[in-house]
Amino acid sequence: MSRPGSRSRRRSRVLMIIAPSLWQCHETALAHGLNPRVMEDVRCVTKPEQLRGLKPGTPFIARNRSEWGKTQAGWPLSELVDLKLRVGELRIAQDDDIAACRGEVRSCASRAASHPSDAGAPAGPRTGSDVRSGLPPSAVAGSDDLSAVAGESAEVDHSQMGS
């Protein structure tokens, strides 16, 4: 029995667009093929305080993070994004997350048919051109720092470890 006024549809996960300014959030959305006028379930984050209370694995997109540290407002935001990535509160958005914000719904079968090589790929952190939702690298110049952050925690210096 459902209560009057309760929602029967399960809410989808919110996609975070993280950048030091709203203008940069807008540019990031456009770079990922999102139309800012018709996006669904999206939250623009421009300050570190807005990243409180995230559910584990919240997807996000960002652009030109290497430039954020050059500004007084961008540096704390960049540092907090790094921390939240390492502890698992944030994860780099996948194609399905971005498609959901466009209002597209793709089944597993149609996704496997359109990308047969990705059918058995793990759903972990994504790097390089995967993050950019199929855009060519020239379309998102300067955003390669996402792949560096995603792979950074996997690098271990074994020379410092004792046998």
C-alpha atoms as a PDB file:
ATOM      1  CA  MET A   1       0.000   0.000   0.000  1.00  0.00           C
ATOM      2  CA  SER A   2       1.491   3.351  -0.984  1.00  0.00           C
ATOM      3  CA  ARG A   3       0.916   6.590   0.809  1.00  0.00           C
ATOM      4  CA  PRO A   4      -0.895   9.402  -0.980  1.00  0.00           C
ATOM      5  CA  GLY A   5       1.548  11.732  -2.664  1.00  0.00           C
ATOM      6  CA  SER A   6       4.441   9.257  -2.522  1.00  0.00           C
ATOM      7  CA  ARG A   7       6.546   8.830  -5.603  1.00  0.00           C
ATOM      8  CA  SER A   8       6.305   5.496  -7.338  1.00  0.00           C
ATOM      9  CA  ARG A   9       9.294   6.175  -9.603  1.00  0.00           C
ATOM     10  CA  ARG A  10      12.746   5.706  -8.119  1.00  0.00           C
ATOM     11  CA  ARG A  11      14.887   8.840  -8.335  1.00  0.00           C
ATOM     12  CA  SER A  12      17.966   8.541 -10.462  1.00  0.00           C
ATOM     13  CA  ARG A  13      21.365   9.548  -9.136  1.00  0.00           C
ATOM     14  CA  VAL A  14      22.277  13.218  -9.494  1.00  0.00           C
ATOM     15  CA  LEU A  15      25.187  14.084 -11.788  1.00  0.00           C
ATOM     16  CA  MET A  16      27.520  16.683 -10.306  1.00  0.00           C
ATOM     17  CA  ILE A  17      29.066  19.258 -12.631  1.00  0.00           C
ATOM     18  CA  ILE A  18      32.029  20.598 -10.682  1.00  0.00           C
ATOM     19  CA  ALA A  19      33.860  23.813 -11.617  1.00  0.00           C
ATOM     20  CA  PRO A  20      35.017  26.988  -9.830  1.00  0.00           C
ATOM     21  CA  SER A  21      32.305  29.136 -11.503  1.00  0.00           C
ATOM     22  CA  LEU A  22      28.822  28.697 -12.973  1.00  0.00           C
ATOM     23  CA  TRP A  23      30.170  29.754 -16.356  1.00  0.00           C
ATOM     24  CA  GLN A  24      32.704  26.911 -16.222  1.00  0.00           C
ATOM     25  CA  CYS A  25      29.922  24.494 -15.184  1.00  0.00           C
ATOM     26  CA  HIS A  26      27.998  25.594 -18.280  1.00  0.00           C
ATOM     27  CA  GLU A  27      31.070  25.071 -20.494  1.00  0.00           C
ATOM     28  CA  THR A  28      31.668  21.637 -18.933  1.00  0.00           C
ATOM     29  CA  ALA A  29      28.078  20.591 -19.642  1.00  0.00           C
ATOM     30  CA  LEU A  30      28.400  21.667 -23.278  1.00  0.00           C
ATOM     31  CA  ALA A  31      31.744  19.844 -23.643  1.00  0.00           C
ATOM     32  CA  HIS A  32      30.056  16.609 -22.503  1.00  0.00           C
ATOM     33  CA  GLY A  33      27.160  17.021 -24.934  1.00  0.00           C
ATOM     34  CA  LEU A  34      24.628  18.190 -22.343  1.00  0.00           C
ATOM     35  CA  ASN A  35      22.166  20.986 -23.073  1.00  0.00           C
ATOM     36  CA  PRO A  36      22.057  23.151 -19.926  1.00  0.00           C
ATOM     37  CA  ARG A  37      18.472  24.198 -20.707  1.00  0.00           C
ATOM     38  CA  VAL A  38      17.039  20.676 -20.602  1.00  0.00           C
ATOM     39  CA  MET A  39      19.290  18.697 -18.261  1.00  0.00           C
ATOM     40  CA  GLU A  40      17.676  16.447 -15.668  1.00  0.00           C
ATOM     41  CA  ASP A  41      19.056  15.451 -12.248  1.00  0.00           C
ATOM     42  CA  VAL A  42      22.118  17.704 -12.431  1.00  0.00           C
ATOM     43  CA  ARG A  43      23.711  19.815  -9.726  1.00  0.00           C
ATOM     44  CA  CYS A  44      26.328  22.501 -10.409  1.00  0.00           C
ATOM     45  CA  VAL A  45      28.965  22.731  -7.686  1.00  0.00           C
ATOM     46  CA  THR A  46      31.192  25.804  -7.461  1.00  0.00           C
ATOM     47  CA  LYS A  47      32.243  25.748  -3.790  1.00  0.00           C
ATOM     48  CA  PRO A  48      33.730  23.026  -1.564  1.00  0.00           C
ATOM     49  CA  GLU A  49      30.855  23.383   0.930  1.00  0.00           C
ATOM     50  CA  GLN A  50      28.431  22.144  -1.729  1.00  0.00           C
ATOM     51  CA  LEU A  51      30.114  18.719  -1.727  1.00  0.00           C
ATOM     52  CA  ARG A  52      28.892  17.807   1.764  1.00  0.00           C
ATOM     53  CA  GLY A  53      26.694  14.767   2.323  1.00  0.00           C
ATOM     54  CA  LEU A  54      27.377  12.897  -0.901  1.00  0.00           C
ATOM     55  CA  LYS A  55      26.278   9.311  -1.311  1.00  0.00           C
ATOM     56  CA  PRO A  56      29.158   6.947  -2.126  1.00  0.00           C
ATOM     57  CA  GLY A  57      29.873   6.777  -5.836  1.00  0.00           C
ATOM     58  CA  THR A  58      28.192  10.028  -6.858  1.00  0.00           C
ATOM     59  CA  PRO A  59      29.085  10.632 -10.528  1.00  0.00           C
ATOM     60  CA  PHE A  60      30.658  13.905 -11.626  1.00  0.00           C
ATOM     61  CA  ILE A  61      32.082  15.646 -14.644  1.00  0.00           C
ATOM     62  CA  ALA A  62      34.719  18.372 -14.650  1.00  0.00           C
ATOM     63  CA  ARG A  63      36.915  20.104 -17.177  1.00  0.00           C
ATOM     64  CA  ASN A  64      40.362  21.718 -17.087  1.00  0.00           C
ATOM     65  CA  ARG A  65      41.037  20.768 -13.469  1.00  0.00           C
ATOM     66  CA  SER A  66      44.727  21.518 -13.897  1.00  0.00           C
ATOM     67  CA  GLU A  67      43.755  25.184 -14.261  1.00  0.00           C
ATOM     68  CA  TRP A  68      41.715  25.304 -11.040  1.00  0.00           C
ATOM     69  CA  GLY A  69      44.762  25.411  -8.769  1.00  0.00           C
ATOM     70  CA  LYS A  70      45.847  28.691 -10.323  1.00  0.00           C
ATOM     71  CA  THR A  71      42.962  30.561  -8.694  1.00  0.00           C
ATOM     72  CA  GLN A  72      42.236  31.170  -5.051  1.00  0.00           C
ATOM     73  CA  ALA A  73      38.667  29.903  -5.438  1.00  0.00           C
ATOM     74  CA  GLY A  74      39.600  26.849  -7.520  1.00  0.00           C
ATOM     75  CA  TRP A  75      42.387  25.353  -5.422  1.00  0.00           C
ATOM     76  CA  PRO A  76      40.279  24.234  -2.390  1.00  0.00           C
ATOM     77  CA  LEU A  77      37.635  22.796  -4.725  1.00  0.00           C
ATOM     78  CA  SER A  78      40.251  20.809  -6.647  1.00  0.00           C
ATOM     79  CA  GLU A  79      41.808  19.464  -3.443  1.00  0.00           C
ATOM     80  CA  LEU A  80      38.413  18.361  -2.091  1.00  0.00           C
ATOM     81  CA  VAL A  81      37.488  16.655  -5.375  1.00  0.00           C
ATOM     82  CA  ASP A  82      40.782  14.719  -5.184  1.00  0.00           C
ATOM     83  CA  LEU A  83      39.993  13.635  -1.623  1.00  0.00           C
ATOM     84  CA  LYS A  84      36.397  12.630  -2.423  1.00  0.00           C
ATOM     85  CA  LEU A  85      37.642  10.576  -5.398  1.00  0.00           C
ATOM     86  CA  ARG A  86      40.117   8.703  -3.211  1.00  0.00           C
ATOM     87  CA  VAL A  87      37.554   7.851  -0.514  1.00  0.00           C
ATOM     88  CA  GLY A  88      34.905   6.849  -3.073  1.00  0.00           C
ATOM     89  CA  GLU A  89      32.314   9.553  -2.490  1.00  0.00           C
ATOM     90  CA  LEU A  90      32.805  10.799  -6.056  1.00  0.00           C
ATOM     91  CA  ARG A  91      33.455   8.842  -9.220  1.00  0.00           C
ATOM     92  CA  ILE A  92      34.051   9.958 -12.778  1.00  0.00           C
ATOM     93  CA  ALA A  93      30.752   9.858 -14.665  1.00  0.00           C
ATOM     94  CA  GLN A  94      30.242   7.114 -17.216  1.00  0.00           C
ATOM     95  CA  ASP A  95      28.334   7.328 -20.483  1.00  0.00           C
ATOM     96  CA  ASP A  96      25.152   6.002 -18.827  1.00  0.00           C
ATOM     97  CA  ASP A  97      25.232   8.765 -16.197  1.00  0.00           C
ATOM     98  CA  ILE A  98      25.574  11.455 -18.851  1.00  0.00           C
ATOM     99  CA  ALA A  99      22.910   9.875 -21.078  1.00  0.00           C
ATOM    100  CA  ALA A 100      20.462   9.842 -18.151  1.00  0.00           C
ATOM    101  CA  CYS A 101      20.926  13.600 -17.762  1.00  0.00           C
ATOM    102  CA  ARG A 102      20.092  14.040 -21.428  1.00  0.00           C
ATOM    103  CA  GLY A 103      16.880  12.107 -20.810  1.00  0.00           C
ATOM    104  CA  GLU A 104      18.132   9.112 -22.781  1.00  0.00           C
ATOM    105  CA  VAL A 105      17.448   5.640 -21.443  1.00  0.00           C
ATOM    106  CA  ARG A 106      19.543   2.832 -22.883  1.00  0.00           C
ATOM    107  CA  SER A 107      19.063  -0.806 -22.087  1.00  0.00           C
ATOM    108  CA  CYS A 108      21.996  -3.129 -21.438  1.00  0.00           C
ATOM    109  CA  ALA A 109      21.303  -4.985 -24.693  1.00  0.00           C
ATOM    110  CA  SER A 110      21.398  -1.851 -26.853  1.00  0.00           C
ATOM    111  CA  ARG A 111      24.516  -0.623 -25.040  1.00  0.00           C
ATOM    112  CA  ALA A 112      26.307  -3.940 -25.644  1.00  0.00           C
ATOM    113  CA  ALA A 113      25.261  -3.908 -29.307  1.00  0.00           C
ATOM    114  CA  SER A 114      26.560  -0.384 -29.866  1.00  0.00           C
ATOM    115  CA  HIS A 115      29.830  -1.008 -27.974  1.00  0.00           C
ATOM    116  CA  PRO A 116      30.639  -4.734 -28.227  1.00  0.00           C
ATOM    117  CA  SER A 117      34.177  -4.249 -26.909  1.00  0.00           C
ATOM    118  CA  ASP A 118      32.827  -2.591 -23.742  1.00  0.00           C
ATOM    119  CA  ALA A 119      30.287  -5.334 -22.956  1.00  0.00           C
ATOM    120  CA  GLY A 120      32.483  -6.997 -20.344  1.00  0.00           C
ATOM    121  CA  ALA A 121      34.347  -3.893 -19.192  1.00  0.00           C
ATOM    122  CA  PRO A 122      34.455  -3.226 -15.460  1.00  0.00           C
ATOM    123  CA  ALA A 123      32.407  -0.330 -14.152  1.00  0.00           C
ATOM    124  CA  GLY A 124      35.298   1.191 -12.171  1.00  0.00           C
ATOM    125  CA  PRO A 125      36.954   4.567 -12.654  1.00  0.00           C
ATOM    126  CA  ARG A 126      37.322   5.560 -16.269  1.00  0.00           C
ATOM    127  CA  THR A 127      40.189   7.381 -17.862  1.00  0.00           C
ATOM    128  CA  GLY A 128      41.216   9.202 -21.004  1.00  0.00           C
ATOM    129  CA  SER A 129      38.682   9.542 -23.793  1.00  0.00           C
ATOM    130  CA  ASP A 130      36.151   7.303 -21.958  1.00  0.00           C
ATOM    131  CA  VAL A 131      35.474  10.166 -19.537  1.00  0.00           C
ATOM    132  CA  ARG A 132      34.579  12.519 -22.333  1.00  0.00           C
ATOM    133  CA  SER A 133      31.589  10.554 -23.565  1.00  0.00           C
ATOM    134  CA  GLY A 134      33.012   9.862 -27.001  1.00  0.00           C
ATOM    135  CA  LEU A 135      34.198  13.388 -27.761  1.00  0.00           C
ATOM    136  CA  PRO A 136      37.508  13.574 -29.609  1.00  0.00           C
ATOM    137  CA  PRO A 137      40.451  14.700 -27.441  1.00  0.00           C
ATOM    138  CA  SER A 138      40.717  17.964 -29.397  1.00  0.00           C
ATOM    139  CA  ALA A 139      37.145  18.871 -28.373  1.00  0.00           C
ATOM    140  CA  VAL A 140      38.057  18.756 -24.708  1.00  0.00           C
ATOM    141  CA  ALA A 141      41.621  20.011 -24.790  1.00  0.00           C
ATOM    142  CA  GLY A 142      43.275  20.349 -21.408  1.00  0.00           C
ATOM    143  CA  SER A 143      41.050  17.945 -19.505  1.00  0.00           C
ATOM    144  CA  ASP A 144      43.463  15.002 -19.401  1.00  0.00           C
ATOM    145  CA  ASP A 145      44.021  15.622 -15.694  1.00  0.00           C
ATOM    146  CA  LEU A 146      40.938  13.486 -14.897  1.00  0.00           C
ATOM    147  CA  SER A 147      42.768  10.388 -16.079  1.00  0.00           C
ATOM    148  CA  ALA A 148      45.752  11.299 -13.933  1.00  0.00           C
ATOM    149  CA  VAL A 149      43.579  11.622 -10.823  1.00  0.00           C
ATOM    150  CA  ALA A 150      41.684   8.398 -11.518  1.00  0.00           C
ATOM    151  CA  GLY A 151      44.858   6.363 -11.966  1.00  0.00           C
ATOM    152  CA  GLU A 152      46.906   8.078  -9.295  1.00  0.00           C
ATOM    153  CA  SER A 153      45.805   5.895  -6.393  1.00  0.00           C
ATOM    154  CA  ALA A 154      46.735   2.719  -8.302  1.00  0.00           C
ATOM    155  CA  GLU A 155      50.403   3.658  -8.586  1.00  0.00           C
ATOM    156  CA  VAL A 156      52.563   2.171  -5.827  1.00  0.00           C
ATOM    157  CA  ASP A 157      56.294   2.630  -5.371  1.00  0.00           C
ATOM    158  CA  HIS A 158      57.457  -0.903  -4.583  1.00  0.00           C
ATOM    159  CA  SER A 159      61.077   0.147  -4.066  1.00  0.00           C
ATOM    160  CA  GLN A 160      60.141   1.662  -0.685  1.00  0.00           C
ATOM    161  CA  MET A 161      58.528  -1.563   0.577  1.00  0.00           C
ATOM    162  CA  GLY A 162      60.518  -4.116   2.540  1.00  0.00           C
ATOM    163  CA  SER A 163      60.562  -7.765   1.440  1.00  0.00           C
END
